[in-house]
């Protein structure tokens, strides 16, 4: 039951891992917008937090995730962002830790939570 409701969030997290593991030289030249990569991080983590929260609410296997989906989504998204930055610094080729990427990840997570609450806030059933 857990995977049935959480596969979108799991696959989105894998997608983020793959994108962040690709060497920077493999990406096309940056668009003329300065710090465009930060906007991408923001979007990726906003979507991740929405998918995690939605899946956590629908599953019944783990009570903490079901009854505290927003705080669980916040913590998991934040630590996942930190893990990705750590992996970029120590394991991925031609990648490095960027505290501003981490900040963009966190801001995206907060935005995703706020967007979820605006859209579904009154419909959350426990």
C-alpha atoms as a PDB file:
ATOM      1  CA  UNK A   1       0.000   0.000   0.000  1.00  0.00           C
ATOM      2  CA  UNK A   2       2.823   2.411   0.761  1.00  0.00           C
ATOM      3  CA  UNK A   3       4.381   2.203  -2.708  1.00  0.00           C
ATOM      4  CA  UNK A   4       0.992   2.388  -4.415  1.00  0.00           C
ATOM      5  CA  UNK A   5       0.440   5.909  -3.094  1.00  0.00           C
ATOM      6  CA  UNK A   6       4.031   7.104  -2.916  1.00  0.00           C
ATOM      7  CA  UNK A   7       5.507   5.989  -6.225  1.00  0.00           C
ATOM      8  CA  UNK A   8       5.211   9.485  -7.781  1.00  0.00           C
ATOM      9  CA  UNK A   9       7.261  11.028  -4.959  1.00  0.00           C
ATOM     10  CA  UNK A  10       9.809   8.197  -5.038  1.00  0.00           C
ATOM     11  CA  UNK A  11      10.272   8.435  -8.791  1.00  0.00           C
ATOM     12  CA  UNK A  12      10.485  12.245  -8.607  1.00  0.00           C
ATOM     13  CA  UNK A  13      13.241  11.888  -5.980  1.00  0.00           C
ATOM     14  CA  UNK A  14      15.093   9.479  -8.291  1.00  0.00           C
ATOM     15  CA  UNK A  15      14.659  11.973 -11.146  1.00  0.00           C
ATOM     16  CA  UNK A  16      16.204  14.700  -8.970  1.00  0.00           C
ATOM     17  CA  UNK A  17      19.106  12.392  -8.089  1.00  0.00           C
ATOM     18  CA  UNK A  18      19.765  11.651 -11.760  1.00  0.00           C
ATOM     19  CA  UNK A  19      19.582  15.312 -12.799  1.00  0.00           C
ATOM     20  CA  UNK A  20      21.865  16.434  -9.983  1.00  0.00           C
ATOM     21  CA  UNK A  21      24.333  13.642 -10.732  1.00  0.00           C
ATOM     22  CA  UNK A  22      24.893  14.660 -14.333  1.00  0.00           C
ATOM     23  CA  UNK A  23      28.160  16.580 -14.741  1.00  0.00           C
ATOM     24  CA  UNK A  24      27.601  20.298 -15.240  1.00  0.00           C
ATOM     25  CA  UNK A  25      29.444  20.207 -18.575  1.00  0.00           C
ATOM     26  CA  UNK A  26      26.699  17.957 -19.977  1.00  0.00           C
ATOM     27  CA  UNK A  27      24.048  20.651 -19.655  1.00  0.00           C
ATOM     28  CA  UNK A  28      23.527  23.176 -22.435  1.00  0.00           C
ATOM     29  CA  UNK A  29      24.833  26.692 -21.995  1.00  0.00           C
ATOM     30  CA  UNK A  30      22.838  28.575 -19.374  1.00  0.00           C
ATOM     31  CA  UNK A  31      19.992  30.728 -20.563  1.00  0.00           C
ATOM     32  CA  UNK A  32      20.495  34.476 -20.264  1.00  0.00           C
ATOM     33  CA  UNK A  33      18.684  34.427 -16.909  1.00  0.00           C
ATOM     34  CA  UNK A  34      21.207  34.644 -14.099  1.00  0.00           C
ATOM     35  CA  UNK A  35      20.983  31.788 -11.560  1.00  0.00           C
ATOM     36  CA  UNK A  36      18.449  29.892 -13.655  1.00  0.00           C
ATOM     37  CA  UNK A  37      19.596  26.677 -11.963  1.00  0.00           C
ATOM     38  CA  UNK A  38      18.255  27.975  -8.640  1.00  0.00           C
ATOM     39  CA  UNK A  39      14.787  28.287 -10.188  1.00  0.00           C
ATOM     40  CA  UNK A  40      15.073  24.674 -11.347  1.00  0.00           C
ATOM     41  CA  UNK A  41      16.027  23.544  -7.828  1.00  0.00           C
ATOM     42  CA  UNK A  42      13.080  25.538  -6.456  1.00  0.00           C
ATOM     43  CA  UNK A  43      10.645  23.865  -8.860  1.00  0.00           C
ATOM     44  CA  UNK A  44      12.035  20.351  -8.320  1.00  0.00           C
ATOM     45  CA  UNK A  45      11.694  20.523  -4.551  1.00  0.00           C
ATOM     46  CA  UNK A  46       8.314  22.264  -4.600  1.00  0.00           C
ATOM     47  CA  UNK A  47       7.000  19.384  -6.679  1.00  0.00           C
ATOM     48  CA  UNK A  48       8.748  16.810  -4.475  1.00  0.00           C
ATOM     49  CA  UNK A  49       7.134  18.152  -1.307  1.00  0.00           C
ATOM     50  CA  UNK A  50       3.667  18.166  -2.897  1.00  0.00           C
ATOM     51  CA  UNK A  51       4.063  14.583  -4.115  1.00  0.00           C
ATOM     52  CA  UNK A  52       5.383  13.377  -0.758  1.00  0.00           C
ATOM     53  CA  UNK A  53       2.610  15.025   1.259  1.00  0.00           C
ATOM     54  CA  UNK A  54      -0.081  13.682  -1.058  1.00  0.00           C
ATOM     55  CA  UNK A  55       1.310  10.166  -0.887  1.00  0.00           C
ATOM     56  CA  UNK A  56       1.749  10.287   2.879  1.00  0.00           C
ATOM     57  CA  UNK A  57      -1.868  11.281   3.419  1.00  0.00           C
ATOM     58  CA  UNK A  58      -3.176   8.453   1.237  1.00  0.00           C
ATOM     59  CA  UNK A  59      -1.081   5.637   2.716  1.00  0.00           C
ATOM     60  CA  UNK A  60      -1.995   3.773   5.878  1.00  0.00           C
ATOM     61  CA  UNK A  61       1.162   1.783   6.643  1.00  0.00           C
ATOM     62  CA  UNK A  62       3.096   4.457   8.563  1.00  0.00           C
ATOM     63  CA  UNK A  63       0.971   6.404  11.026  1.00  0.00           C
ATOM     64  CA  UNK A  64       3.479   9.211  11.578  1.00  0.00           C
ATOM     65  CA  UNK A  65       3.592   9.961   7.855  1.00  0.00           C
ATOM     66  CA  UNK A  66      -0.190   9.830   7.565  1.00  0.00           C
ATOM     67  CA  UNK A  67      -0.974  12.035  10.552  1.00  0.00           C
ATOM     68  CA  UNK A  68       1.937  14.448  10.155  1.00  0.00           C
ATOM     69  CA  UNK A  69       2.337  14.596   6.373  1.00  0.00           C
ATOM     70  CA  UNK A  70       3.398  18.229   6.154  1.00  0.00           C
ATOM     71  CA  UNK A  71       6.137  18.103   8.768  1.00  0.00           C
ATOM     72  CA  UNK A  72       7.279  14.718   7.417  1.00  0.00           C
ATOM     73  CA  UNK A  73       7.388  16.088   3.875  1.00  0.00           C
ATOM     74  CA  UNK A  74       9.330  19.131   5.069  1.00  0.00           C
ATOM     75  CA  UNK A  75      11.934  17.101   6.938  1.00  0.00           C
ATOM     76  CA  UNK A  76      12.371  14.477   4.219  1.00  0.00           C
ATOM     77  CA  UNK A  77      12.609  17.048   1.407  1.00  0.00           C
ATOM     78  CA  UNK A  78      15.107  19.166   3.318  1.00  0.00           C
ATOM     79  CA  UNK A  79      17.360  16.258   4.249  1.00  0.00           C
ATOM     80  CA  UNK A  80      17.105  14.827   0.741  1.00  0.00           C
ATOM     81  CA  UNK A  81      18.253  18.192  -0.645  1.00  0.00           C
ATOM     82  CA  UNK A  82      21.158  18.188   1.781  1.00  0.00           C
ATOM     83  CA  UNK A  83      22.027  14.595   0.830  1.00  0.00           C
ATOM     84  CA  UNK A  84      22.057  15.501  -2.863  1.00  0.00           C
ATOM     85  CA  UNK A  85      24.374  18.450  -2.219  1.00  0.00           C
ATOM     86  CA  UNK A  86      26.644  16.197  -0.122  1.00  0.00           C
ATOM     87  CA  UNK A  87      26.745  13.622  -2.935  1.00  0.00           C
ATOM     88  CA  UNK A  88      27.545  16.352  -5.450  1.00  0.00           C
ATOM     89  CA  UNK A  89      30.473  17.480  -3.350  1.00  0.00           C
ATOM     90  CA  UNK A  90      32.013  14.090  -2.611  1.00  0.00           C
ATOM     91  CA  UNK A  91      30.822  11.539  -5.159  1.00  0.00           C
ATOM     92  CA  UNK A  92      29.529  13.073  -8.386  1.00  0.00           C
ATOM     93  CA  UNK A  93      31.972  14.084 -11.092  1.00  0.00           C
ATOM     94  CA  UNK A  94      32.298  17.797 -11.911  1.00  0.00           C
ATOM     95  CA  UNK A  95      29.711  18.785  -9.290  1.00  0.00           C
ATOM     96  CA  UNK A  96      30.106  20.640  -6.012  1.00  0.00           C
ATOM     97  CA  UNK A  97      28.233  21.652  -2.876  1.00  0.00           C
ATOM     98  CA  UNK A  98      26.424  24.947  -3.331  1.00  0.00           C
ATOM     99  CA  UNK A  99      24.729  26.465  -0.269  1.00  0.00           C
ATOM    100  CA  UNK A 100      22.524  28.553  -2.559  1.00  0.00           C
ATOM    101  CA  UNK A 101      21.237  25.367  -4.197  1.00  0.00           C
ATOM    102  CA  UNK A 102      20.425  24.102  -0.717  1.00  0.00           C
ATOM    103  CA  UNK A 103      18.594  27.359   0.015  1.00  0.00           C
ATOM    104  CA  UNK A 104      16.665  27.073  -3.267  1.00  0.00           C
ATOM    105  CA  UNK A 105      15.751  23.482  -2.361  1.00  0.00           C
ATOM    106  CA  UNK A 106      14.440  24.579   1.032  1.00  0.00           C
ATOM    107  CA  UNK A 107      12.518  27.552  -0.385  1.00  0.00           C
ATOM    108  CA  UNK A 108      10.985  25.278  -3.024  1.00  0.00           C
ATOM    109  CA  UNK A 109       9.956  22.833  -0.319  1.00  0.00           C
ATOM    110  CA  UNK A 110       8.277  25.613   1.693  1.00  0.00           C
ATOM    111  CA  UNK A 111       6.542  26.889  -1.442  1.00  0.00           C
ATOM    112  CA  UNK A 112       5.308  23.375  -2.253  1.00  0.00           C
ATOM    113  CA  UNK A 113       3.882  23.007   1.253  1.00  0.00           C
ATOM    114  CA  UNK A 114       2.153  26.385   1.024  1.00  0.00           C
ATOM    115  CA  UNK A 115       0.776  25.534  -2.422  1.00  0.00           C
ATOM    116  CA  UNK A 116      -0.509  22.222  -1.083  1.00  0.00           C
ATOM    117  CA  UNK A 117      -2.211  23.954   1.836  1.00  0.00           C
ATOM    118  CA  UNK A 118      -3.802  26.559  -0.421  1.00  0.00           C
ATOM    119  CA  UNK A 119      -5.118  23.918  -2.821  1.00  0.00           C
ATOM    120  CA  UNK A 120      -5.994  21.068  -0.458  1.00  0.00           C
ATOM    121  CA  UNK A 121      -5.814  22.528   3.053  1.00  0.00           C
ATOM    122  CA  UNK A 122      -9.472  22.265   3.957  1.00  0.00           C
ATOM    123  CA  UNK A 123      -9.823  18.839   2.325  1.00  0.00           C
ATOM    124  CA  UNK A 124      -7.178  17.042   4.414  1.00  0.00           C
ATOM    125  CA  UNK A 125      -8.929  14.176   6.194  1.00  0.00           C
ATOM    126  CA  UNK A 126      -7.331  12.201   8.979  1.00  0.00           C
END
